[in-house]
Protein backbone atom coordinates (compact mmCIF):
# COMPACT_ATOMS: atom_id res chain seq x y z
CA MET A 1 77.91 -125.73 -85.01
CA ARG A 2 79.66 -127.34 -82.12
CA LEU A 3 79.33 -125.50 -78.84
CA GLY A 4 83.10 -125.18 -78.43
CA LEU A 5 83.34 -123.47 -81.82
CA ARG A 6 80.45 -121.21 -80.80
CA ARG A 7 82.32 -120.16 -77.68
CA THR A 8 85.49 -119.48 -79.69
CA SER A 9 83.49 -117.43 -82.22
CA PHE A 10 81.90 -115.48 -79.40
CA THR A 11 85.30 -114.73 -77.87
CA LEU A 12 86.92 -113.75 -81.18
CA SER A 13 84.01 -111.48 -82.12
CA SER A 14 83.95 -109.71 -78.73
CA GLY A 15 80.51 -111.07 -77.94
CA ARG A 16 78.87 -110.46 -81.29
CA ALA A 17 78.35 -114.12 -82.26
CA VAL A 18 74.78 -115.41 -82.52
CA LEU A 19 73.77 -119.02 -81.98
CA GLY A 20 70.73 -120.22 -83.91
CA ILE A 21 69.31 -123.45 -82.53
CA GLY A 22 66.04 -125.35 -82.76
CA ALA A 23 64.25 -128.61 -82.02
CA ALA A 24 64.02 -129.82 -85.65
CA TRP A 25 60.78 -129.89 -87.54
CA ASN A 26 61.38 -131.50 -90.95
CA LYS A 27 61.06 -135.28 -90.63
CA GLU A 28 61.75 -135.96 -94.33
CA GLU A 29 64.97 -133.93 -94.23
CA ALA A 30 66.20 -135.78 -91.13
CA GLN A 31 65.39 -139.15 -92.66
CA GLY A 32 67.07 -138.14 -95.92
CA LEU A 33 70.25 -137.45 -93.94
CA GLY A 34 69.98 -140.82 -92.18
CA LEU A 35 69.13 -139.21 -88.83
CA SER A 36 66.50 -140.38 -86.39
CA PHE A 37 63.50 -138.14 -85.80
CA PRO A 38 62.29 -138.56 -82.19
CA SER A 39 58.92 -137.42 -80.90
CA ARG A 40 58.34 -133.71 -80.35
CA SER A 41 58.59 -134.03 -76.57
CA GLU A 42 61.88 -135.91 -76.85
CA ARG A 43 63.27 -133.30 -79.28
CA TYR A 44 62.33 -130.53 -76.82
CA GLU A 45 64.02 -132.39 -73.97
CA MET A 46 67.16 -132.66 -76.10
CA LEU A 47 66.95 -128.95 -76.96
CA GLU A 48 66.60 -127.98 -73.29
CA GLU A 49 69.69 -130.00 -72.44
CA VAL A 50 71.73 -128.37 -75.21
CA LEU A 51 70.59 -124.92 -74.07
CA ARG A 52 71.63 -125.67 -70.46
CA ILE A 53 75.08 -126.74 -71.67
CA ALA A 54 75.39 -123.73 -74.00
CA ARG A 55 74.49 -121.34 -71.20
CA ARG A 56 77.10 -122.89 -68.93
CA MET A 57 79.73 -122.70 -71.66
CA GLY A 58 78.90 -119.05 -72.27
CA THR A 59 79.80 -117.97 -68.75
CA VAL A 60 83.35 -117.09 -67.80
CA SER A 61 83.34 -119.13 -64.61
CA ALA A 62 81.51 -122.14 -66.02
CA SER A 63 82.64 -125.53 -64.89
CA PRO A 64 82.81 -128.21 -67.57
CA PRO A 65 79.53 -130.06 -68.21
CA ASN A 66 79.29 -133.33 -66.32
CA ASP A 67 78.69 -136.71 -67.91
CA SER A 68 75.09 -137.01 -66.71
CA ARG A 69 73.81 -136.01 -70.15
CA ARG A 70 71.08 -138.22 -71.55
CA TRP A 71 71.71 -137.66 -75.26
């Protein structure tokens, strides 16, 4: 789910939306979908970045994320 849609869902549900997110674990599934499957450490770095952005988007006074993202 895109983060913008998550924020809209959260707003429409009066804060009752839940975001489920992970660092991927099934290599065969990713490859079957034509996706790359980076190393565990790289997947965790990507997850940490997404969580930072999601936290910022979840605050009322959040400024838009900058373009210094790595992924």
